[in-house]
Amino acid sequence: ARGCESRLHLAKMRPSSARYVDMEVGDGLVEQPRSSPPPPPPGPNPTPATTSQHPTVGTEPTWTVDEAIDEIGFGPFQLVMLCVTGLAWMGDAMEMMLLSFLGPAARCEWGISPRQEGMLTSVVFVGMLFGAPTWGQIADWKGRKLAFFCTTLWIFIAGLASSFAGSFDELCAWRAIVGFGLGGVPVAFSVFMEFLPSGNRGVWLTIIETFWTLGSVAAAGLAWAVLPHHSWRLLLQLSTAPLALLLLLIPFVSESPYHSAAVGDYDAAKATLTRMAKANAPRNPTALPKGTLVGRPVFQSSVTRDEGAGRFERFVAMASKPFRRIATLLEKGQRKQTLMLWFIFFAVAFSYYGVVLLTTEVHVDSNAARGDGRKGGTRGGDDAVACTGHGSPDLDFGAYRDIFVSSTAELPGLVLAALSVDLIGRRNSLSSSMALNVVPLLALLGYATFPIWLETLALFLSRAASMWAFTVLYIYAPETVNTSVRATAMGMGNAVARLGGMLCPLFAVEMVESGRMTGAIAFFAALACVTSTVAFFLPIETAGKRLDQVDETAEERRGDVELTYGATEPTSKK
């Protein structure tokens, strides 16, 4: 009844106050009318599991994608999607973790300086900076599946090509191209999220992050197996294996029903939901709500259509259309949340990738990491790196073991995320993880007097806390926005994160190799402390709430034009 009253209120206020976005049907940003829903597909309607909570249009009951997914529940369909999208996450992690080995290998191959080594990492993040919003726009415009396939193919080809680079400049160019493709990998996260019921969404979005950890551990293990005996080029080639398998599986992936409904393709959305129901409940394959599938209303209050505009004005409007999704993220009521999230994206990425690079730098340039007494930058006083005859960094067994152990630190981080994300909420989890990160970072300030095992332990704990924060952030951020801009929002968040990744080598590589490790660590600790405070004051909590539902109390508080973009309590709980 409360949902019906809200929709009646919306219907009354739309003609006088709501202004519709200047976009055609199919963009996913136009308001989906309640008064004249699209006709149902031919054939009999499925047998309902329950229809009591669904509102009606005229005499016909209506239902939404999130209501259908909650009724279907979690099952084999989502498990298959978890494995497929998880391969993308695993491939992304392997490509990123290779950077910590690729820089020292380039120093051995071409004799580059530490500054150039840091640049090799930064160009990847530059590519991701431009790729993240681009792939996000494509995913919201043309669909998740197309963007998912294109970004996977892009990374696979560029990753293989970079293994044949003939010069350092050519390697940087190819890795920047790889970075552009890596900017689109979060689309896979959105794909999986949009097939999950709201009840246990947080737990399953934590589980998909285990594929990132598997990729990190696999990259460290591959480096341990390959680099002592073979060139870094073979390591790059083997790291594309998950992407090759993924390219064979993506054609069988379904388009997100949220996206299909958002662009008005209700038949496609209903077909996907029917396949999901058949896979999850073979004995009751038609367990969809009775009536007509409808989309959620999505308003935009700052752009109106000018019917009298000239050709140039229409061209400008068309050219600026991709940026309007970004503009919605900065609308009044959403601006504070967006800016706070962008800062957290930057800080968490800066901390995470900084610890990853710092771990390798400490061991590559560590006197304690070698058995023959050769010195290195962190402990030995210069920036020399010992090399093998085939152009790879020459680390002993202990160094590879410590790097491998540090990569497994992400597992306890994932456990902490899974335990906390629904129990204490997204915001408190984010704040707690970054507060915990401060402790091992402060302990690292005494690295000069530490034995190598204690240094490894501090780096282990810092990486676990950073992974905890990254996992919760990837769960929380897309839950705060509507389907029509979800991939764009994640793309922009990832673009800001790549700025953090692009700048962190200045601290984790250059400052460390120039003997200023204390200053670098102090900056990491201060940033983690500030980020914890910002996360604590985030305005929206999404734990246990559905995607794409209008927050009715927020609507009444903020006026009749502006509606919130995020998730709200399931109707059944109300």
Protein backbone atom coordinates (compact mmCIF):
# COMPACT_ATOMS: atom_id res chain seq x y z
CA ALA A 1 0.00 0.00 0.00
CA ARG A 2 2.85 2.32 0.82
CA GLY A 3 4.41 1.64 -2.59
CA CYS A 4 1.08 2.43 -4.33
CA GLU A 5 0.73 5.71 -2.43
CA SER A 6 4.27 6.68 -3.41
CA ARG A 7 3.59 5.99 -7.08
CA LEU A 8 0.33 7.97 -6.94
CA HIS A 9 2.29 10.86 -5.46
CA LEU A 10 4.84 10.58 -8.27
CA ALA A 11 2.12 10.46 -10.92
CA LYS A 12 0.51 13.61 -9.57
CA MET A 13 3.67 15.63 -9.38
CA ARG A 14 5.31 14.63 -12.68
CA PRO A 15 3.44 16.86 -15.16
CA SER A 16 4.13 20.08 -13.26
CA SER A 17 7.58 19.63 -11.78
CA ALA A 18 9.55 16.73 -13.24
CA ARG A 19 11.80 17.57 -16.16
CA TYR A 20 12.96 14.70 -18.29
CA VAL A 21 16.49 14.14 -19.47
CA ASP A 22 17.26 15.02 -23.10
CA MET A 23 17.88 11.46 -24.22
CA GLU A 24 16.13 9.01 -26.46
CA VAL A 25 14.61 5.73 -25.27
CA GLY A 26 17.39 3.21 -25.05
CA ASP A 27 19.84 5.45 -23.21
CA GLY A 28 18.68 4.10 -19.86
CA LEU A 29 18.17 7.59 -18.42
CA VAL A 30 14.65 8.31 -19.63
CA GLU A 31 11.75 7.94 -17.22
CA GLN A 32 9.92 4.66 -17.67
CA PRO A 33 6.17 5.51 -17.59
CA ARG A 34 3.97 3.86 -15.04
CA SER A 35 0.68 4.89 -16.63
CA SER A 36 1.23 3.04 -19.90
CA PRO A 37 3.47 0.07 -19.34
CA PRO A 38 4.75 -1.92 -22.31
CA PRO A 39 2.58 -4.82 -23.41
CA PRO A 40 3.55 -8.21 -22.04
CA PRO A 41 5.22 -10.65 -24.45
CA PRO A 42 2.91 -13.06 -26.29
CA GLY A 43 1.98 -16.25 -24.57
CA PRO A 44 0.64 -17.04 -21.12
CA ASN A 45 2.08 -15.28 -18.12
CA PRO A 46 4.22 -17.37 -15.75
CA THR A 47 2.70 -18.73 -12.60
CA PRO A 48 3.48 -16.38 -9.74
CA ALA A 49 5.32 -17.37 -6.61
CA THR A 50 3.64 -14.51 -4.78
CA THR A 51 2.01 -11.29 -5.90
CA SER A 52 0.74 -9.72 -2.73
CA GLN A 53 3.44 -7.06 -2.48
CA HIS A 54 3.27 -5.92 -6.10
CA PRO A 55 1.43 -2.74 -7.07
CA THR A 56 -0.97 -2.64 -10.01
CA VAL A 57 -1.37 -0.53 -13.12
CA GLY A 58 -5.09 -0.45 -13.86
CA THR A 59 -6.17 -4.04 -13.31
CA GLU A 60 -2.76 -5.50 -14.22
CA PRO A 61 -0.18 -6.10 -11.43
CA THR A 62 3.37 -4.93 -12.10
CA TRP A 63 6.75 -6.13 -10.91
CA THR A 64 10.38 -5.07 -11.23
CA VAL A 65 13.67 -6.83 -11.90
CA ASP A 66 14.86 -6.65 -8.30
CA GLU A 67 11.58 -8.15 -7.04
CA ALA A 68 11.91 -11.02 -9.52
CA ILE A 69 15.55 -11.74 -8.62
CA ASP A 70 14.69 -11.76 -4.92
CA GLU A 71 11.90 -14.26 -5.57
CA ILE A 72 14.08 -16.49 -7.77
CA GLY A 73 16.91 -16.45 -5.23
CA PHE A 74 20.52 -17.56 -5.49
CA GLY A 75 21.37 -20.79 -7.30
CA PRO A 76 23.40 -22.47 -10.04
CA PHE A 77 22.84 -19.58 -12.48
CA GLN A 78 24.67 -17.16 -10.17
CA LEU A 79 27.42 -19.70 -9.48
CA VAL A 80 28.18 -19.91 -13.20
CA MET A 81 28.18 -16.12 -13.43
CA LEU A 82 30.53 -16.01 -10.44
CA CYS A 83 33.07 -18.25 -12.18
CA VAL A 84 32.89 -16.39 -15.50
CA THR A 85 33.12 -12.87 -14.10
CA GLY A 86 35.68 -14.09 -11.56
CA LEU A 87 38.04 -15.03 -14.40
CA ALA A 88 38.04 -11.38 -15.46
CA TRP A 89 38.89 -10.35 -11.91
CA MET A 90 41.68 -12.95 -11.79
CA GLY A 91 43.16 -11.79 -15.10
CA ASP A 92 43.03 -8.18 -13.94
CA ALA A 93 44.88 -9.04 -10.73
CA MET A 94 47.60 -10.94 -12.58
CA GLU A 95 48.21 -8.07 -14.98
CA MET A 96 48.41 -5.60 -12.09
CA MET A 97 50.60 -7.73 -9.80
CA LEU A 98 53.08 -8.30 -12.63
CA LEU A 99 54.00 -4.62 -12.43
CA SER A 100 55.97 -5.23 -9.24
CA PHE A 101 58.16 -7.75 -11.14
CA LEU A 102 58.13 -6.08 -14.53
CA GLY A 103 59.83 -2.90 -13.32
CA PRO A 104 62.93 -4.65 -11.91
CA ALA A 105 63.01 -6.90 -14.98
CA ALA A 106 63.07 -3.81 -17.23
CA ARG A 107 65.99 -2.47 -15.19
CA CYS A 108 67.87 -5.69 -15.95
CA GLU A 109 66.88 -5.76 -19.64
CA TRP A 110 67.53 -2.14 -20.60
CA GLY A 111 69.38 -0.60 -17.64
CA ILE A 112 66.66 1.97 -16.92
CA SER A 113 66.73 4.33 -13.94
CA PRO A 114 64.46 4.00 -10.88
CA ARG A 115 62.41 6.95 -12.16
CA GLN A 116 61.81 5.15 -15.45
CA GLU A 117 60.87 2.02 -13.51
CA GLY A 118 58.21 4.01 -11.69
CA MET A 119 57.02 5.40 -15.03
CA LEU A 120 56.35 1.85 -16.28
CA THR A 121 53.81 1.44 -13.50
CA SER A 122 52.35 4.92 -13.95
CA VAL A 123 51.61 4.50 -17.68
CA VAL A 124 49.39 1.52 -16.87
CA PHE A 125 47.37 3.68 -14.50
CA VAL A 126 47.23 6.47 -17.07
CA GLY A 127 45.64 4.00 -19.48
CA MET A 128 43.19 2.91 -16.80
CA LEU A 129 42.41 6.55 -16.01
CA PHE A 130 41.01 6.99 -19.53
CA GLY A 131 39.73 3.45 -19.97
CA ALA A 132 37.60 3.28 -16.82
CA PRO A 133 35.08 6.03 -17.70
CA THR A 134 35.12 5.01 -21.38
CA TRP A 135 34.18 1.39 -20.76
CA GLY A 136 31.69 2.47 -18.11
CA GLN A 137 29.91 4.69 -20.63
CA ILE A 138 29.87 1.86 -23.19
CA ALA A 139 28.43 -0.57 -20.61
CA ASP A 140 25.61 1.84 -19.72
CA TRP A 141 24.99 2.73 -23.38
CA LYS A 142 25.36 -0.54 -25.31
CA GLY A 143 25.10 -3.10 -22.55
CA ARG A 144 27.26 -4.92 -20.01
CA LYS A 145 27.92 -7.97 -22.18
CA LEU A 146 29.42 -6.06 -25.13
CA ALA A 147 31.68 -4.00 -22.89
CA PHE A 148 32.70 -7.14 -20.98
CA PHE A 149 33.75 -8.93 -24.19
CA CYS A 150 35.53 -5.96 -25.75
CA THR A 151 37.61 -5.13 -22.70
CA THR A 152 38.66 -8.79 -22.28
CA LEU A 153 39.74 -9.07 -25.91
CA TRP A 154 41.59 -5.74 -25.66
CA ILE A 155 43.62 -6.81 -22.60
CA PHE A 156 44.42 -10.23 -24.06
CA ILE A 157 45.83 -8.86 -27.34
CA ALA A 158 47.76 -5.98 -25.74
CA GLY A 159 49.11 -8.24 -22.97
CA LEU A 160 50.52 -10.71 -25.48
CA ALA A 161 51.93 -7.92 -27.66
CA SER A 162 53.78 -6.34 -24.71
CA SER A 163 55.77 -9.57 -24.24
CA PHE A 164 57.38 -8.96 -27.66
CA ALA A 165 58.41 -5.34 -26.95
CA GLY A 166 61.82 -4.52 -28.43
CA SER A 167 62.54 -1.43 -26.33
CA PHE A 168 61.55 0.14 -23.06
CA ASP A 169 59.48 2.81 -24.82
CA GLU A 170 57.61 0.14 -26.76
CA LEU A 171 56.95 -1.79 -23.55
CA CYS A 172 55.54 1.35 -21.90
CA ALA A 173 53.27 1.95 -24.90
CA TRP A 174 51.85 -1.56 -24.82
CA ARG A 175 51.37 -1.53 -21.07
CA ALA A 176 49.48 1.76 -21.35
CA ILE A 177 47.19 0.06 -23.89
CA VAL A 178 46.76 -2.85 -21.47
CA GLY A 179 45.85 -0.30 -18.79
CA PHE A 180 43.13 1.18 -21.00
CA GLY A 181 41.54 -2.26 -21.22
CA LEU A 182 41.98 -2.95 -17.50
CA GLY A 183 39.89 0.16 -16.84
CA GLY A 184 36.85 -1.80 -18.07
CA VAL A 185 37.27 -4.89 -15.89
CA PRO A 186 34.91 -3.52 -13.16
CA VAL A 187 32.11 -4.01 -15.71
CA ALA A 188 32.39 -7.71 -14.81
CA PHE A 189 31.71 -6.78 -11.20
CA SER A 190 28.55 -4.91 -12.23
CA VAL A 191 27.44 -7.90 -14.33
CA PHE A 192 27.65 -10.25 -11.35
CA MET A 193 26.09 -7.75 -8.94
CA GLU A 194 23.02 -7.29 -11.14
CA PHE A 195 22.16 -11.01 -10.95
CA LEU A 196 22.27 -11.20 -7.14
CA PRO A 197 19.31 -11.13 -4.73
CA SER A 198 19.52 -8.37 -2.14
CA GLY A 199 19.53 -10.59 0.94
CA ASN A 200 23.10 -11.93 0.69
CA ARG A 201 24.54 -9.65 -1.98
CA GLY A 202 27.37 -8.40 0.24
CA VAL A 203 28.69 -11.88 0.98
CA TRP A 204 28.73 -12.97 -2.66
CA LEU A 205 30.37 -9.75 -3.81
CA THR A 206 33.08 -10.50 -1.27
CA ILE A 207 33.46 -14.01 -2.64
CA ILE A 208 34.06 -12.74 -6.18
CA GLU A 209 37.00 -10.78 -4.77
CA THR A 210 38.66 -14.12 -3.97
CA PHE A 211 39.38 -14.38 -7.69
CA TRP A 212 41.44 -11.19 -7.40
CA THR A 213 43.37 -12.80 -4.56
CA LEU A 214 43.82 -15.98 -6.59
CA GLY A 215 45.20 -13.84 -9.42
CA SER A 216 47.61 -12.08 -7.06
CA VAL A 217 48.84 -15.36 -5.61
CA ALA A 218 49.08 -16.92 -9.09
CA ALA A 219 51.16 -13.97 -10.34
CA ALA A 220 53.57 -14.29 -7.41
CA GLY A 221 53.76 -18.07 -7.88
CA LEU A 222 54.35 -17.76 -11.62
CA ALA A 223 57.10 -15.21 -11.05
CA TRP A 224 58.70 -17.56 -8.52
CA ALA A 225 58.58 -20.44 -11.03
CA VAL A 226 59.51 -18.54 -14.21
CA LEU A 227 61.90 -15.68 -13.44
CA PRO A 228 64.78 -17.71 -11.93
CA HIS A 229 65.01 -19.78 -15.12
CA HIS A 230 63.33 -17.86 -17.95
CA SER A 231 62.75 -14.37 -19.31
CA TRP A 232 60.06 -12.02 -18.03
CA ARG A 233 58.50 -12.28 -21.52
CA LEU A 234 57.33 -15.83 -20.80
CA LEU A 235 55.81 -14.59 -17.55
CA LEU A 236 53.71 -12.02 -19.45
CA GLN A 237 52.53 -14.63 -21.94
CA LEU A 238 51.46 -17.16 -19.29
CA SER A 239 49.58 -14.44 -17.42
CA THR A 240 47.06 -14.07 -20.27
CA ALA A 241 45.75 -17.66 -19.79
CA PRO A 242 42.66 -16.68 -17.70
CA LEU A 243 41.70 -14.10 -20.35
CA ALA A 244 41.97 -16.68 -23.14
CA LEU A 245 39.56 -18.97 -21.27
CA LEU A 246 37.23 -16.06 -20.55
CA LEU A 247 36.97 -15.15 -24.24
CA LEU A 248 35.57 -18.63 -24.90
CA LEU A 249 32.94 -18.30 -22.17
CA ILE A 250 31.63 -14.73 -22.58
CA PRO A 251 29.36 -15.56 -25.58
CA PHE A 252 27.28 -17.68 -23.18
CA VAL A 253 26.83 -14.82 -20.68
CA SER A 254 23.38 -13.20 -20.44
CA GLU A 255 22.85 -9.46 -20.62
CA SER A 256 22.00 -7.86 -17.30
CA PRO A 257 18.20 -7.79 -16.82
CA TYR A 258 18.60 -4.48 -14.98
CA HIS A 259 20.19 -2.91 -18.05
CA SER A 260 17.64 -4.45 -20.43
CA ALA A 261 14.78 -3.05 -18.36
CA ALA A 262 16.50 0.34 -18.00
CA VAL A 263 16.66 0.76 -21.80
CA GLY A 264 13.09 -0.42 -22.30
CA ASP A 265 13.84 -3.93 -23.61
CA TYR A 266 11.46 -5.71 -21.25
CA ASP A 267 11.22 -8.85 -23.39
CA ALA A 268 14.98 -9.42 -23.11
CA ALA A 269 14.90 -8.77 -19.36
CA LYS A 270 12.04 -11.20 -18.88
CA ALA A 271 13.75 -13.86 -21.03
CA THR A 272 16.92 -13.60 -18.92
CA LEU A 273 14.94 -13.86 -15.70
CA THR A 274 13.11 -16.89 -17.05
CA ARG A 275 16.43 -18.61 -17.85
CA MET A 276 17.62 -17.79 -14.36
CA ALA A 277 14.47 -19.28 -12.84
CA LYS A 278 14.82 -22.47 -14.91
CA ALA A 279 18.47 -22.87 -13.89
CA ASN A 280 17.83 -22.24 -10.19
CA ALA A 281 14.55 -24.14 -9.83
CA PRO A 282 14.18 -26.77 -12.58
CA ARG A 283 11.04 -28.16 -10.91
CA ASN A 284 9.40 -24.73 -10.81
CA PRO A 285 10.88 -22.93 -13.85
CA THR A 286 8.13 -20.30 -14.12
CA ALA A 287 8.48 -18.74 -10.66
CA LEU A 288 8.21 -15.16 -11.86
CA PRO A 289 5.71 -12.61 -10.55
CA LYS A 290 2.42 -12.32 -12.40
CA GLY A 291 1.74 -9.22 -14.48
CA THR A 292 3.82 -6.65 -16.35
CA LEU A 293 7.53 -5.99 -15.92
CA VAL A 294 8.22 -2.27 -15.45
CA GLY A 295 11.35 -0.17 -14.99
CA ARG A 296 12.20 2.19 -12.18
CA PRO A 297 11.69 5.93 -12.73
CA VAL A 298 14.96 7.81 -13.22
CA PHE A 299 14.82 11.60 -13.20
CA GLN A 300 17.29 14.27 -14.11
CA SER A 301 16.53 17.79 -13.04
CA SER A 302 19.15 19.87 -14.78
CA VAL A 303 18.72 19.14 -18.52
CA THR A 304 15.66 19.97 -20.59
CA ARG A 305 14.88 19.51 -24.24
CA ASP A 306 14.97 22.66 -26.41
CA GLU A 307 12.77 21.87 -29.39
CA GLY A 308 13.75 25.11 -31.10
CA ALA A 309 17.50 24.51 -31.00
CA GLY A 310 19.46 24.91 -34.22
CA ARG A 311 21.66 22.33 -35.93
CA PHE A 312 24.80 23.37 -34.04
CA GLU A 313 23.01 23.29 -30.69
CA ARG A 314 21.65 19.82 -31.46
CA PHE A 315 25.14 18.66 -32.45
CA VAL A 316 26.58 19.98 -29.18
CA ALA A 317 23.78 18.30 -27.26
CA MET A 318 24.47 15.00 -29.02
CA ALA A 319 28.23 15.26 -28.48
CA SER A 320 27.79 16.02 -24.79
CA LYS A 321 25.31 13.19 -24.20
CA PRO A 322 27.93 10.74 -22.82
CA PHE A 323 28.92 13.29 -20.16
CA ARG A 324 25.38 13.69 -18.85
CA ARG A 325 25.58 10.42 -16.98
CA ILE A 326 28.63 11.77 -15.22
CA ALA A 327 26.77 14.99 -14.50
CA THR A 328 24.00 13.05 -12.73
CA LEU A 329 26.56 11.86 -10.20
CA LEU A 330 27.17 15.48 -9.19
CA GLU A 331 23.51 16.49 -8.90
CA LYS A 332 22.32 18.00 -5.65
CA GLY A 333 21.65 15.23 -3.18
CA GLN A 334 24.21 12.92 -4.81
CA ARG A 335 27.20 15.29 -4.98
CA LYS A 336 28.42 14.85 -1.42
CA GLN A 337 28.28 11.05 -1.64
CA THR A 338 30.07 11.06 -5.01
CA LEU A 339 32.92 13.35 -3.97
CA MET A 340 33.51 11.45 -0.73
CA LEU A 341 33.58 8.15 -2.63
CA TRP A 342 36.03 9.55 -5.18
CA PHE A 343 38.41 10.53 -2.39
CA ILE A 344 38.10 7.06 -0.85
CA PHE A 345 38.73 5.41 -4.25
CA PHE A 346 41.90 7.49 -4.61
CA ALA A 347 43.16 6.78 -1.09
CA VAL A 348 42.41 3.05 -1.02
CA ALA A 349 44.06 2.49 -4.43
CA PHE A 350 47.06 4.58 -3.38
CA SER A 351 47.46 2.50 -0.21
CA TYR A 352 46.86 -0.90 -1.83
CA TYR A 353 49.15 -0.53 -4.83
CA GLY A 354 51.69 1.31 -2.70
CA VAL A 355 51.98 -1.66 -0.35
CA VAL A 356 52.22 -4.08 -3.31
CA LEU A 357 55.07 -2.12 -4.89
CA LEU A 358 56.74 -1.52 -1.54
CA THR A 359 56.80 -5.26 -0.80
CA THR A 360 58.77 -6.04 -3.94
CA GLU A 361 61.05 -3.02 -3.66
CA VAL A 362 62.03 -3.99 -0.12
CA HIS A 363 63.08 -7.46 -1.27
CA VAL A 364 64.55 -6.62 -4.66
CA ASP A 365 66.74 -3.94 -3.12
CA SER A 366 67.41 -5.78 0.15
CA ASN A 367 70.77 -6.98 1.35
CA ALA A 368 68.97 -9.56 3.48
CA ALA A 369 67.24 -10.96 0.41
CA ARG A 370 70.51 -12.17 -1.10
CA GLY A 371 72.88 -14.83 0.00
CA ASP A 372 75.95 -13.50 -1.84
CA GLY A 373 76.23 -10.16 -0.03
CA ARG A 374 75.37 -7.90 -2.98
CA LYS A 375 73.74 -4.70 -1.80
CA GLY A 376 70.59 -2.86 -2.85
CA GLY A 377 68.79 0.43 -2.31
CA THR A 378 66.53 -0.05 0.75
CA ARG A 379 69.15 -1.57 3.03
CA GLY A 380 72.32 -1.48 0.98
CA GLY A 381 72.53 2.24 0.19
CA ASP A 382 72.29 2.30 -3.64
CA ASP A 383 69.74 1.46 -6.31
CA ALA A 384 71.58 -1.48 -7.88
CA VAL A 385 69.60 -4.64 -8.61
CA ALA A 386 71.17 -8.05 -9.15
CA CYS A 387 70.17 -9.66 -12.47
CA THR A 388 70.24 -13.10 -14.06
CA GLY A 389 71.80 -13.86 -17.43
CA HIS A 390 68.34 -13.89 -19.08
CA GLY A 391 67.38 -10.38 -17.99
CA SER A 392 65.32 -11.09 -14.87
CA PRO A 393 65.88 -9.84 -11.29
CA ASP A 394 68.06 -12.31 -9.38
CA LEU A 395 66.24 -13.05 -6.12
CA ASP A 396 66.98 -15.96 -3.83
CA PHE A 397 64.46 -18.46 -2.48
CA GLY A 398 63.73 -16.43 0.65
CA ALA A 399 62.83 -13.28 -1.28
CA TYR A 400 60.35 -15.06 -3.56
CA ARG A 401 58.89 -16.86 -0.53
CA ASP A 402 58.33 -13.59 1.34
CA ILE A 403 56.71 -11.93 -1.71
CA PHE A 404 54.46 -14.96 -2.17
CA VAL A 405 53.47 -14.94 1.51
CA SER A 406 52.66 -11.23 1.30
CA SER A 407 50.31 -11.88 -1.63
CA THR A 408 48.32 -14.36 0.49
CA ALA A 409 47.61 -11.50 2.92
CA GLU A 410 44.54 -10.72 0.83
CA LEU A 411 42.81 -13.88 2.09
CA PRO A 412 42.36 -12.66 5.69
CA GLY A 413 41.35 -9.29 4.24
CA LEU A 414 38.55 -11.01 2.32
CA VAL A 415 37.46 -12.93 5.42
CA LEU A 416 37.25 -9.68 7.38
CA ALA A 417 35.20 -8.11 4.57
CA ALA A 418 32.79 -11.07 4.42
CA LEU A 419 32.27 -11.01 8.20
CA SER A 420 31.81 -7.26 8.51
CA VAL A 421 30.08 -6.04 5.35
CA ASP A 422 26.57 -7.08 6.45
CA LEU A 423 27.16 -7.33 10.19
CA ILE A 424 28.36 -3.77 10.86
CA GLY A 425 27.47 -2.23 7.48
CA ARG A 426 29.42 -0.92 4.51
CA ARG A 427 30.43 2.43 5.99
CA ASN A 428 31.70 1.05 9.29
CA SER A 429 33.59 -1.68 7.46
CA LEU A 430 35.34 0.87 5.26
CA SER A 431 36.22 3.06 8.21
CA SER A 432 37.47 0.16 10.34
CA SER A 433 39.64 -1.31 7.59
CA MET A 434 41.51 1.93 6.95
CA ALA A 435 41.89 2.55 10.70
CA LEU A 436 43.42 -0.92 11.05
CA ASN A 437 45.81 -0.13 8.18
CA VAL A 438 47.36 2.68 10.20
CA VAL A 439 48.78 0.28 12.81
CA PRO A 440 51.22 -1.80 10.67
CA LEU A 441 52.19 1.31 8.69
CA LEU A 442 53.21 3.12 11.86
CA ALA A 443 55.12 0.01 12.95
CA LEU A 444 57.04 0.08 9.65
CA LEU A 445 58.53 3.42 10.64
CA GLY A 446 61.06 1.39 12.63
CA TYR A 447 62.04 -0.74 9.61
CA ALA A 448 65.75 0.10 9.97
CA THR A 449 65.94 -1.94 13.17
CA PHE A 450 63.56 -4.71 12.05
CA PRO A 451 64.56 -8.23 11.06
CA ILE A 452 63.27 -9.07 7.59
CA TRP A 453 60.50 -11.37 8.95
CA LEU A 454 59.01 -8.57 11.06
CA GLU A 455 59.05 -6.23 8.08
CA THR A 456 57.27 -8.89 6.03
CA LEU A 457 54.65 -9.30 8.79
CA ALA A 458 53.92 -5.55 8.87
CA LEU A 459 53.55 -5.48 5.08
CA PHE A 460 51.32 -8.57 5.30
CA LEU A 461 48.96 -6.87 7.77
CA SER A 462 48.87 -3.64 5.78
CA ARG A 463 48.00 -5.49 2.59
CA ALA A 464 45.25 -7.44 4.39
CA ALA A 465 43.69 -4.20 5.67
CA SER A 466 43.97 -2.58 2.22
CA MET A 467 42.26 -5.57 0.60
CA TRP A 468 39.50 -5.41 3.20
CA ALA A 469 38.91 -1.76 2.32
CA PHE A 470 39.06 -2.34 -1.46
CA THR A 471 36.58 -5.22 -1.26
CA VAL A 472 34.01 -3.27 0.76
CA LEU A 473 34.44 -0.22 -1.49
CA TYR A 474 33.67 -2.24 -4.63
CA ILE A 475 30.55 -3.62 -2.95
CA TYR A 476 29.33 -0.31 -1.57
CA ALA A 477 29.99 2.18 -4.39
CA PRO A 478 27.79 0.61 -7.13
CA GLU A 479 24.96 0.04 -4.64
CA THR A 480 24.58 3.79 -4.13
CA VAL A 481 23.60 4.58 -7.75
CA ASN A 482 20.92 3.62 -10.27
CA THR A 483 21.34 0.99 -13.01
CA SER A 484 21.33 3.64 -15.74
CA VAL A 485 24.55 5.16 -14.37
CA ARG A 486 26.02 2.29 -12.33
CA ALA A 487 28.77 1.31 -14.76
CA THR A 488 29.55 4.97 -15.42
CA ALA A 489 29.80 5.63 -11.67
CA MET A 490 32.12 2.68 -11.21
CA GLY A 491 34.14 3.81 -14.20
CA MET A 492 34.60 7.28 -12.74
CA GLY A 493 35.45 5.86 -9.33
CA ASN A 494 38.04 3.59 -10.90
CA ALA A 495 39.44 6.49 -12.91
CA VAL A 496 40.04 8.39 -9.68
CA ALA A 497 41.52 5.22 -8.16
CA ARG A 498 43.96 5.01 -11.06
CA LEU A 499 45.15 8.51 -10.22
CA GLY A 500 46.10 7.07 -6.85
CA GLY A 501 47.81 4.13 -8.49
CA MET A 502 49.60 6.45 -10.89
CA LEU A 503 50.99 8.63 -8.10
CA CYS A 504 51.90 5.90 -5.59
CA PRO A 505 55.18 4.90 -7.38
CA LEU A 506 56.52 8.35 -6.49
CA PHE A 507 56.39 7.20 -2.85
CA ALA A 508 56.66 3.40 -3.02
CA VAL A 509 59.46 3.31 -5.61
CA GLU A 510 61.31 6.61 -6.02
CA MET A 511 61.30 7.75 -2.38
CA VAL A 512 62.21 4.27 -1.14
CA GLU A 513 65.08 3.87 -3.60
CA SER A 514 66.41 7.32 -2.73
CA GLY A 515 66.61 6.39 0.97
CA ARG A 516 63.46 8.22 2.16
CA MET A 517 61.41 5.21 3.16
CA THR A 518 60.36 6.75 6.50
CA GLY A 519 58.73 9.73 4.79
CA ALA A 520 56.90 7.48 2.34
CA ILE A 521 55.51 5.26 5.08
CA ALA A 522 54.45 8.25 7.19
CA PHE A 523 52.45 9.61 4.25
CA PHE A 524 50.72 6.24 3.73
CA ALA A 525 49.76 6.14 7.43
CA ALA A 526 48.41 9.72 7.47
CA LEU A 527 46.34 9.10 4.33
CA ALA A 528 44.84 5.93 5.83
CA CYS A 529 43.85 7.84 8.99
CA VAL A 530 42.10 10.60 7.00
CA THR A 531 40.34 8.06 4.78
CA SER A 532 38.99 6.19 7.80
CA THR A 533 37.43 9.42 9.06
CA VAL A 534 35.86 10.27 5.69
CA ALA A 535 34.37 6.78 5.34
CA PHE A 536 32.80 7.02 8.80
CA PHE A 537 30.80 10.09 7.71
CA LEU A 538 29.49 8.72 4.39
CA PRO A 539 25.79 9.71 4.14
CA ILE A 540 24.29 6.46 2.73
CA GLU A 541 24.23 2.93 4.11
CA THR A 542 23.20 0.17 1.66
CA ALA A 543 23.55 -3.04 3.67
CA GLY A 544 20.54 -5.34 3.15
CA LYS A 545 18.86 -3.06 0.62
CA ARG A 546 17.72 -3.59 -2.96
CA LEU A 547 19.23 -2.01 -6.02
CA ASP A 548 17.29 0.68 -7.91
CA GLN A 549 14.51 1.47 -5.46
CA VAL A 550 13.45 5.04 -4.76
CA ASP A 551 13.98 6.09 -1.15
CA GLU A 552 10.54 7.45 -0.38
CA THR A 553 11.43 9.25 2.83
CA ALA A 554 14.36 10.95 1.11
CA GLU A 555 12.03 11.94 -1.72
CA GLU A 556 9.65 13.65 0.67
CA ARG A 557 12.51 15.38 2.44
CA ARG A 558 14.28 16.69 -0.69
CA GLY A 559 11.31 17.72 -2.82
CA ASP A 560 9.33 16.35 -5.73
CA VAL A 561 11.92 16.68 -8.50
CA GLU A 562 14.99 15.09 -7.05
CA LEU A 563 14.88 11.38 -6.27
CA THR A 564 17.70 9.34 -4.77
CA TYR A 565 19.67 7.00 -7.00
CA GLY A 566 20.56 4.26 -4.55
CA ALA A 567 19.13 1.25 -2.83
CA THR A 568 16.36 1.20 -0.24
CA GLU A 569 14.76 -1.28 2.10
CA PRO A 570 13.00 -4.22 0.40
CA THR A 571 9.23 -3.81 0.39
CA SER A 572 8.77 -7.05 2.30
CA LYS A 573 10.89 -5.75 5.18
CA LYS A 574 8.90 -2.51 5.32
